Amino acid sequence: MFGLKGRDTFNKPRSSLGQIMENARKWWMKLFPFLIFALFVLIIVVIGNTWYSYVYVKGVSEQEKQEYINKKNKEVAFKKEKYDNLKQIIIKRGEHFNADRIEYANIFYVEKKVEQEDDEDDDGEEE
């Protein structure tokens, strides 16, 4: 075999361990697709059963249901004070937005100041 004369290493009969391993490999190659398919079916069954139990099986007592409802009501209870504060903030923002705007005198946005005329001779008495 392979053009080597005088060497008997390639033509030796296989040992019993080698035959066992070869037979195990052949058996595994035949069985592997069935094992993969069985594993796939098992996963589908477990997922389906879990889904079914969560959707259709009612395992909750009336007391547990009432506790759950009470807990959710406490979390979602209407907080009137916070609502009123927020409402006042929104109203103030609206009033500020709709308020009269200050006219600016120049491009630097310096606010115009209207100076009142003070009459020096006016001491609070009318003439």
C-alpha atoms as a PDB file:
ATOM      1  CA  MET A   1       0.000   0.000   0.000  1.00  0.00           C
ATOM      2  CA  PHE A   2       1.227   3.520  -0.788  1.00  0.00           C
ATOM      3  CA  GLY A   3       4.268   2.092  -2.578  1.00  0.00           C
ATOM      4  CA  LEU A   4       6.073   1.133   0.593  1.00  0.00           C
ATOM      5  CA  LYS A   5       7.422  -2.388   0.515  1.00  0.00           C
ATOM      6  CA  GLY A   6       8.629  -4.129   3.567  1.00  0.00           C
ATOM      7  CA  ARG A   7       6.543  -2.090   5.982  1.00  0.00           C
ATOM      8  CA  ASP A   8       3.514  -3.792   7.367  1.00  0.00           C
ATOM      9  CA  THR A   9       2.170  -0.847   9.408  1.00  0.00           C
ATOM     10  CA  PHE A  10      -0.609   0.032   6.979  1.00  0.00           C
ATOM     11  CA  ASN A  11      -1.904  -3.486   6.582  1.00  0.00           C
ATOM     12  CA  LYS A  12      -2.119  -4.403  10.246  1.00  0.00           C
ATOM     13  CA  PRO A  13      -5.507  -5.563  11.350  1.00  0.00           C
ATOM     14  CA  ARG A  14      -7.310  -3.141  13.596  1.00  0.00           C
ATOM     15  CA  SER A  15      -7.276  -3.727  17.298  1.00  0.00           C
ATOM     16  CA  SER A  16     -10.478  -4.409  19.140  1.00  0.00           C
ATOM     17  CA  LEU A  17     -10.459  -0.810  20.466  1.00  0.00           C
ATOM     18  CA  GLY A  18     -10.162   0.526  16.917  1.00  0.00           C
ATOM     19  CA  GLN A  19     -13.069  -1.642  15.766  1.00  0.00           C
ATOM     20  CA  ILE A  20     -15.171  -0.480  18.708  1.00  0.00           C
ATOM     21  CA  MET A  21     -14.440   3.158  17.922  1.00  0.00           C
ATOM     22  CA  GLU A  22     -15.231   2.680  14.234  1.00  0.00           C
ATOM     23  CA  ASN A  23     -18.502   0.962  15.036  1.00  0.00           C
ATOM     24  CA  ALA A  24     -19.374   3.678  17.559  1.00  0.00           C
ATOM     25  CA  ARG A  25     -18.693   6.362  14.948  1.00  0.00           C
ATOM     26  CA  LYS A  26     -20.915   4.621  12.368  1.00  0.00           C
ATOM     27  CA  TRP A  27     -23.655   4.132  14.955  1.00  0.00           C
ATOM     28  CA  TRP A  28     -23.396   7.830  15.988  1.00  0.00           C
ATOM     29  CA  MET A  29     -23.585   9.007  12.361  1.00  0.00           C
ATOM     30  CA  LYS A  30     -26.784   6.976  11.863  1.00  0.00           C
ATOM     31  CA  LEU A  31     -28.339   8.089  15.163  1.00  0.00           C
ATOM     32  CA  PHE A  32     -27.312  11.800  15.159  1.00  0.00           C
ATOM     33  CA  PRO A  33     -30.113  13.134  12.861  1.00  0.00           C
ATOM     34  CA  PHE A  34     -32.752  11.360  14.942  1.00  0.00           C
ATOM     35  CA  LEU A  35     -31.306  12.787  18.167  1.00  0.00           C
ATOM     36  CA  ILE A  36     -31.316  16.311  16.729  1.00  0.00           C
ATOM     37  CA  PHE A  37     -34.920  15.878  15.608  1.00  0.00           C
ATOM     38  CA  ALA A  38     -35.920  14.492  19.035  1.00  0.00           C
ATOM     39  CA  LEU A  39     -34.207  17.424  20.759  1.00  0.00           C
ATOM     40  CA  PHE A  40     -36.014  19.885  18.471  1.00  0.00           C
ATOM     41  CA  VAL A  41     -39.390  18.237  19.206  1.00  0.00           C
ATOM     42  CA  LEU A  42     -38.645  18.242  22.945  1.00  0.00           C
ATOM     43  CA  ILE A  43     -37.844  21.968  22.898  1.00  0.00           C
ATOM     44  CA  ILE A  44     -41.042  22.728  20.965  1.00  0.00           C
ATOM     45  CA  VAL A  45     -43.109  20.696  23.456  1.00  0.00           C
ATOM     46  CA  VAL A  46     -41.553  22.423  26.487  1.00  0.00           C
ATOM     47  CA  ILE A  47     -42.095  25.888  24.987  1.00  0.00           C
ATOM     48  CA  GLY A  48     -45.665  25.025  24.020  1.00  0.00           C
ATOM     49  CA  ASN A  49     -46.454  23.673  27.470  1.00  0.00           C
ATOM     50  CA  THR A  50     -44.990  26.750  29.163  1.00  0.00           C
ATOM     51  CA  TRP A  51     -46.945  29.069  26.890  1.00  0.00           C
ATOM     52  CA  TYR A  52     -50.161  27.109  27.477  1.00  0.00           C
ATOM     53  CA  SER A  53     -49.721  27.182  31.257  1.00  0.00           C
ATOM     54  CA  TYR A  54     -49.144  30.941  31.295  1.00  0.00           C
ATOM     55  CA  VAL A  55     -52.045  31.733  28.985  1.00  0.00           C
ATOM     56  CA  TYR A  56     -54.789  29.251  29.809  1.00  0.00           C
ATOM     57  CA  VAL A  57     -54.207  27.729  33.240  1.00  0.00           C
ATOM     58  CA  LYS A  58     -55.671  29.809  36.046  1.00  0.00           C
ATOM     59  CA  GLY A  59     -53.514  29.102  39.074  1.00  0.00           C
ATOM     60  CA  VAL A  60     -54.281  32.290  40.997  1.00  0.00           C
ATOM     61  CA  SER A  61     -56.734  32.363  43.887  1.00  0.00           C
ATOM     62  CA  GLU A  62     -59.252  35.142  44.412  1.00  0.00           C
ATOM     63  CA  GLN A  63     -57.290  36.466  47.384  1.00  0.00           C
ATOM     64  CA  GLU A  64     -54.099  36.749  45.294  1.00  0.00           C
ATOM     65  CA  LYS A  65     -56.055  38.521  42.563  1.00  0.00           C
ATOM     66  CA  GLN A  66     -57.433  41.033  45.080  1.00  0.00           C
ATOM     67  CA  GLU A  67     -53.949  41.643  46.535  1.00  0.00           C
ATOM     68  CA  TYR A  68     -52.614  42.276  43.029  1.00  0.00           C
ATOM     69  CA  ILE A  69     -55.439  44.722  42.234  1.00  0.00           C
ATOM     70  CA  ASN A  70     -54.913  46.599  45.516  1.00  0.00           C
ATOM     71  CA  LYS A  71     -51.173  46.836  44.892  1.00  0.00           C
ATOM     72  CA  LYS A  72     -51.719  48.232  41.390  1.00  0.00           C
ATOM     73  CA  ASN A  73     -54.312  50.713  42.647  1.00  0.00           C
ATOM     74  CA  LYS A  74     -51.847  52.056  45.204  1.00  0.00           C
ATOM     75  CA  GLU A  75     -49.207  52.530  42.506  1.00  0.00           C
ATOM     76  CA  VAL A  76     -51.578  54.248  40.100  1.00  0.00           C
ATOM     77  CA  ALA A  77     -53.592  56.285  42.620  1.00  0.00           C
ATOM     78  CA  PHE A  78     -54.360  59.781  41.430  1.00  0.00           C
ATOM     79  CA  LYS A  79     -52.198  62.325  43.203  1.00  0.00           C
ATOM     80  CA  LYS A  80     -54.332  65.446  43.292  1.00  0.00           C
ATOM     81  CA  GLU A  81     -51.735  67.759  44.851  1.00  0.00           C
ATOM     82  CA  LYS A  82     -49.122  66.970  42.224  1.00  0.00           C
ATOM     83  CA  TYR A  83     -51.746  67.389  39.523  1.00  0.00           C
ATOM     84  CA  ASP A  84     -52.817  70.792  40.875  1.00  0.00           C
ATOM     85  CA  ASN A  85     -49.198  71.984  41.101  1.00  0.00           C
ATOM     86  CA  LEU A  86     -48.541  70.916  37.541  1.00  0.00           C
ATOM     87  CA  LYS A  87     -51.740  72.586  36.397  1.00  0.00           C
ATOM     88  CA  GLN A  88     -50.690  75.871  38.038  1.00  0.00           C
ATOM     89  CA  ILE A  89     -47.269  75.676  36.370  1.00  0.00           C
ATOM     90  CA  ILE A  90     -48.893  75.166  32.975  1.00  0.00           C
ATOM     91  CA  ILE A  91     -51.254  78.107  33.564  1.00  0.00           C
ATOM     92  CA  LYS A  92     -48.331  80.360  34.573  1.00  0.00           C
ATOM     93  CA  ARG A  93     -46.398  79.358  31.468  1.00  0.00           C
ATOM     94  CA  GLY A  94     -49.416  80.157  29.325  1.00  0.00           C
ATOM     95  CA  GLU A  95     -49.828  83.556  30.968  1.00  0.00           C
ATOM     96  CA  HIS A  96     -46.150  84.305  30.497  1.00  0.00           C
ATOM     97  CA  PHE A  97     -46.334  83.280  26.846  1.00  0.00           C
ATOM     98  CA  ASN A  98     -49.413  85.394  26.171  1.00  0.00           C
ATOM     99  CA  ALA A  99     -48.137  88.408  28.116  1.00  0.00           C
ATOM    100  CA  ASP A 100     -47.257  91.645  26.335  1.00  0.00           C
ATOM    101  CA  ARG A 101     -43.772  91.646  24.960  1.00  0.00           C
ATOM    102  CA  ILE A 102     -41.195  94.253  25.797  1.00  0.00           C
ATOM    103  CA  GLU A 103     -40.096  96.331  22.851  1.00  0.00           C
ATOM    104  CA  TYR A 104     -36.366  96.493  22.417  1.00  0.00           C
ATOM    105  CA  ALA A 105     -34.654  99.675  21.324  1.00  0.00           C
ATOM    106  CA  ASN A 106     -31.707  98.316  19.394  1.00  0.00           C
ATOM    107  CA  ILE A 107     -30.033  95.227  18.107  1.00  0.00           C
ATOM    108  CA  PHE A 108     -28.286  94.683  21.419  1.00  0.00           C
ATOM    109  CA  TYR A 109     -31.648  94.139  23.073  1.00  0.00           C
ATOM    110  CA  VAL A 110     -31.229  96.805  25.670  1.00  0.00           C
ATOM    111  CA  GLU A 111     -34.552  97.304  27.356  1.00  0.00           C
ATOM    112  CA  LYS A 112     -36.167 100.700  26.931  1.00  0.00           C
ATOM    113  CA  LYS A 113     -36.780 102.455  30.164  1.00  0.00           C
ATOM    114  CA  VAL A 114     -39.533 104.939  30.219  1.00  0.00           C
ATOM    115  CA  GLU A 115     -38.552 107.715  32.552  1.00  0.00           C
ATOM    116  CA  GLN A 116     -41.280 109.475  34.303  1.00  0.00           C
ATOM    117  CA  GLU A 117     -41.131 113.192  34.307  1.00  0.00           C
ATOM    118  CA  ASP A 118     -40.681 114.462  37.782  1.00  0.00           C
ATOM    119  CA  ASP A 119     -41.924 117.930  38.273  1.00  0.00           C
ATOM    120  CA  GLU A 120     -39.623 119.572  40.742  1.00  0.00           C
ATOM    121  CA  ASP A 121     -42.140 122.253  41.534  1.00  0.00           C
ATOM    122  CA  ASP A 122     -44.852 119.658  42.169  1.00  0.00           C
ATOM    123  CA  ASP A 123     -44.860 118.979  45.880  1.00  0.00           C
ATOM    124  CA  GLY A 124     -48.120 117.135  45.837  1.00  0.00           C
ATOM    125  CA  GLU A 125     -50.184 120.326  45.644  1.00  0.00           C
ATOM    126  CA  GLU A 126     -52.232 121.231  42.688  1.00  0.00           C
ATOM    127  CA  GLU A 127     -51.960 124.632  41.095  1.00  0.00           C
END
